[in-house]
Amino acid sequence: MFAAEFEPAEYPCRRRSAQTSVAIDADMDRGGLARALCRVLDISVHGARLQTYTALRRGSTIWLRLPKVGEVTARIIWATDFSAGCQFQTPLAPEAYESLPPLG
């Protein structure tokens, strides 16, 4: 088991009225405000089982930041209160998988 971070890849739109395009010369990064910690309980090149401190919804997409690997896109396949299973959009390269910390 090792620690990782995740953040929603989709942000819900809360606007009730139509929007218009605007050009702004500024950085619109959320500054990590949507990130949350999790524990990776099990991992393969195709996906992972996570223990979270915030509930995730089945079918949602997240960006999972793995130590020594970086950010991977994953879809939540199943979720209970504070556990979730995700499938990586692109399987991890064998070298990336081998660089992960041991689970034990």
C-alpha atoms as a PDB file:
ATOM      1  CA  MET A   1       0.000   0.000   0.000  1.00  0.00           C
ATOM      2  CA  PHE A   2       1.298   3.452  -0.870  1.00  0.00           C
ATOM      3  CA  ALA A   3      -0.098   6.985  -0.978  1.00  0.00           C
ATOM      4  CA  ALA A   4      -1.176   8.770  -4.161  1.00  0.00           C
ATOM      5  CA  GLU A   5      -3.310  11.763  -5.165  1.00  0.00           C
ATOM      6  CA  PHE A   6      -6.304  12.025  -7.443  1.00  0.00           C
ATOM      7  CA  GLU A   7      -8.429  14.790  -8.836  1.00  0.00           C
ATOM      8  CA  PRO A   8     -11.614  14.756 -10.910  1.00  0.00           C
ATOM      9  CA  ALA A   9     -10.959  15.040 -14.629  1.00  0.00           C
ATOM     10  CA  GLU A  10     -14.465  16.401 -15.181  1.00  0.00           C
ATOM     11  CA  TYR A  11     -15.799  19.406 -13.350  1.00  0.00           C
ATOM     12  CA  PRO A  12     -19.571  19.705 -12.994  1.00  0.00           C
ATOM     13  CA  CYS A  13     -21.015  22.782 -14.635  1.00  0.00           C
ATOM     14  CA  ARG A  14     -23.166  24.696 -12.154  1.00  0.00           C
ATOM     15  CA  ARG A  15     -24.229  27.506 -14.473  1.00  0.00           C
ATOM     16  CA  ARG A  16     -27.908  27.919 -15.169  1.00  0.00           C
ATOM     17  CA  SER A  17     -27.606  30.394 -18.006  1.00  0.00           C
ATOM     18  CA  ALA A  18     -25.743  30.431 -21.306  1.00  0.00           C
ATOM     19  CA  GLN A  19     -22.060  31.375 -21.315  1.00  0.00           C
ATOM     20  CA  THR A  20     -20.133  33.542 -23.715  1.00  0.00           C
ATOM     21  CA  SER A  21     -16.503  33.109 -24.704  1.00  0.00           C
ATOM     22  CA  VAL A  22     -13.982  35.461 -23.113  1.00  0.00           C
ATOM     23  CA  ALA A  23     -10.272  35.942 -23.784  1.00  0.00           C
ATOM     24  CA  ILE A  24      -8.229  36.408 -20.605  1.00  0.00           C
ATOM     25  CA  ASP A  25      -4.446  36.600 -20.399  1.00  0.00           C
ATOM     26  CA  ALA A  26      -4.175  34.683 -17.119  1.00  0.00           C
ATOM     27  CA  ASP A  27      -3.492  31.222 -15.813  1.00  0.00           C
ATOM     28  CA  MET A  28      -6.778  29.479 -14.955  1.00  0.00           C
ATOM     29  CA  ASP A  29      -5.240  26.542 -13.062  1.00  0.00           C
ATOM     30  CA  ARG A  30      -7.221  25.403 -10.018  1.00  0.00           C
ATOM     31  CA  GLY A  31      -3.979  25.310  -8.019  1.00  0.00           C
ATOM     32  CA  GLY A  32      -4.544  21.773  -6.739  1.00  0.00           C
ATOM     33  CA  LEU A  33      -7.746  22.677  -4.884  1.00  0.00           C
ATOM     34  CA  ALA A  34      -9.577  19.614  -6.212  1.00  0.00           C
ATOM     35  CA  ARG A  35      -6.819  17.122  -5.317  1.00  0.00           C
ATOM     36  CA  ALA A  36      -7.382  14.476  -2.646  1.00  0.00           C
ATOM     37  CA  LEU A  37      -5.168  11.860  -1.045  1.00  0.00           C
ATOM     38  CA  CYS A  38      -5.809   8.150  -1.399  1.00  0.00           C
ATOM     39  CA  ARG A  39      -4.108   4.836  -0.714  1.00  0.00           C
ATOM     40  CA  VAL A  40      -3.353   2.390  -3.498  1.00  0.00           C
ATOM     41  CA  LEU A  41      -4.240  -1.026  -2.069  1.00  0.00           C
ATOM     42  CA  ASP A  42      -3.676  -3.069  -5.224  1.00  0.00           C
ATOM     43  CA  ILE A  43      -2.335  -2.156  -8.660  1.00  0.00           C
ATOM     44  CA  SER A  44      -1.700  -3.747 -12.044  1.00  0.00           C
ATOM     45  CA  VAL A  45      -0.731  -2.331 -15.418  1.00  0.00           C
ATOM     46  CA  HIS A  46      -4.466  -2.014 -16.226  1.00  0.00           C
ATOM     47  CA  GLY A  47      -5.905  -0.472 -13.050  1.00  0.00           C
ATOM     48  CA  ALA A  48      -5.887  -0.042  -9.285  1.00  0.00           C
ATOM     49  CA  ARG A  49      -7.958  -0.492  -6.152  1.00  0.00           C
ATOM     50  CA  LEU A  50      -8.051   2.689  -4.078  1.00  0.00           C
ATOM     51  CA  GLN A  51      -8.981   3.545  -0.505  1.00  0.00           C
ATOM     52  CA  THR A  52     -10.207   7.138  -0.495  1.00  0.00           C
ATOM     53  CA  TYR A  53     -11.215   9.720   2.057  1.00  0.00           C
ATOM     54  CA  THR A  54     -13.850  11.182  -0.267  1.00  0.00           C
ATOM     55  CA  ALA A  55     -16.527   9.240  -2.105  1.00  0.00           C
ATOM     56  CA  LEU A  56     -16.097   8.613  -5.844  1.00  0.00           C
ATOM     57  CA  ARG A  57     -18.871   7.933  -8.357  1.00  0.00           C
ATOM     58  CA  ARG A  58     -18.882   4.946 -10.690  1.00  0.00           C
ATOM     59  CA  GLY A  59     -18.323   6.088 -14.270  1.00  0.00           C
ATOM     60  CA  SER A  60     -16.414   9.257 -13.365  1.00  0.00           C
ATOM     61  CA  THR A  61     -12.940   9.982 -14.704  1.00  0.00           C
ATOM     62  CA  ILE A  62     -10.000  10.960 -12.480  1.00  0.00           C
ATOM     63  CA  TRP A  63      -6.380  11.943 -12.857  1.00  0.00           C
ATOM     64  CA  LEU A  64      -4.388   9.672 -10.558  1.00  0.00           C
ATOM     65  CA  ARG A  65      -0.901  10.847  -9.585  1.00  0.00           C
ATOM     66  CA  LEU A  66       1.289   7.854  -8.840  1.00  0.00           C
ATOM     67  CA  PRO A  67       4.718   8.204  -7.187  1.00  0.00           C
ATOM     68  CA  LYS A  68       7.636   7.983  -9.665  1.00  0.00           C
ATOM     69  CA  VAL A  69       5.147   7.540 -12.554  1.00  0.00           C
ATOM     70  CA  GLY A  70       3.198  10.781 -12.665  1.00  0.00           C
ATOM     71  CA  GLU A  71      -0.358  11.415 -13.761  1.00  0.00           C
ATOM     72  CA  VAL A  72      -2.518   8.735 -15.376  1.00  0.00           C
ATOM     73  CA  THR A  73      -6.128   9.027 -16.501  1.00  0.00           C
ATOM     74  CA  ALA A  74      -8.480   6.438 -15.015  1.00  0.00           C
ATOM     75  CA  ARG A  75     -12.208   5.652 -15.100  1.00  0.00           C
ATOM     76  CA  ILE A  76     -13.933   4.536 -11.889  1.00  0.00           C
ATOM     77  CA  ILE A  77     -15.370   1.067 -12.585  1.00  0.00           C
ATOM     78  CA  TRP A  78     -16.870   0.394  -9.150  1.00  0.00           C
ATOM     79  CA  ALA A  79     -17.165   2.397  -5.951  1.00  0.00           C
ATOM     80  CA  THR A  80     -18.404   1.871  -2.409  1.00  0.00           C
ATOM     81  CA  ASP A  81     -18.283   4.347   0.479  1.00  0.00           C
ATOM     82  CA  PHE A  82     -14.538   4.924   0.568  1.00  0.00           C
ATOM     83  CA  SER A  83     -13.136   2.303  -1.804  1.00  0.00           C
ATOM     84  CA  ALA A  84     -13.008   2.336  -5.578  1.00  0.00           C
ATOM     85  CA  GLY A  85     -11.630   0.355  -8.466  1.00  0.00           C
ATOM     86  CA  CYS A  86     -10.329   2.187 -11.496  1.00  0.00           C
ATOM     87  CA  GLN A  87      -9.210   1.196 -14.973  1.00  0.00           C
ATOM     88  CA  PHE A  88      -6.392   3.150 -16.587  1.00  0.00           C
ATOM     89  CA  GLN A  89      -7.187   4.753 -19.928  1.00  0.00           C
ATOM     90  CA  THR A  90      -3.775   3.622 -21.171  1.00  0.00           C
ATOM     91  CA  PRO A  91      -2.087   0.645 -19.473  1.00  0.00           C
ATOM     92  CA  LEU A  92       1.082   1.449 -17.540  1.00  0.00           C
ATOM     93  CA  ALA A  93       4.338   0.719 -19.310  1.00  0.00           C
ATOM     94  CA  PRO A  94       6.208  -2.225 -17.735  1.00  0.00           C
ATOM     95  CA  GLU A  95       9.044   0.124 -16.685  1.00  0.00           C
ATOM     96  CA  ALA A  96       6.589   2.480 -14.963  1.00  0.00           C
ATOM     97  CA  TYR A  97       4.882  -0.414 -13.170  1.00  0.00           C
ATOM     98  CA  GLU A  98       8.232  -1.729 -11.918  1.00  0.00           C
ATOM     99  CA  SER A  99       9.193   1.731 -10.592  1.00  0.00           C
ATOM    100  CA  LEU A 100       6.194   1.883  -8.214  1.00  0.00           C
ATOM    101  CA  PRO A 101       6.803   1.409  -4.479  1.00  0.00           C
ATOM    102  CA  PRO A 102       6.067  -2.085  -3.121  1.00  0.00           C
ATOM    103  CA  LEU A 103       2.556  -2.651  -1.764  1.00  0.00           C
ATOM    104  CA  GLY A 104       3.616  -4.723   1.240  1.00  0.00           C
END
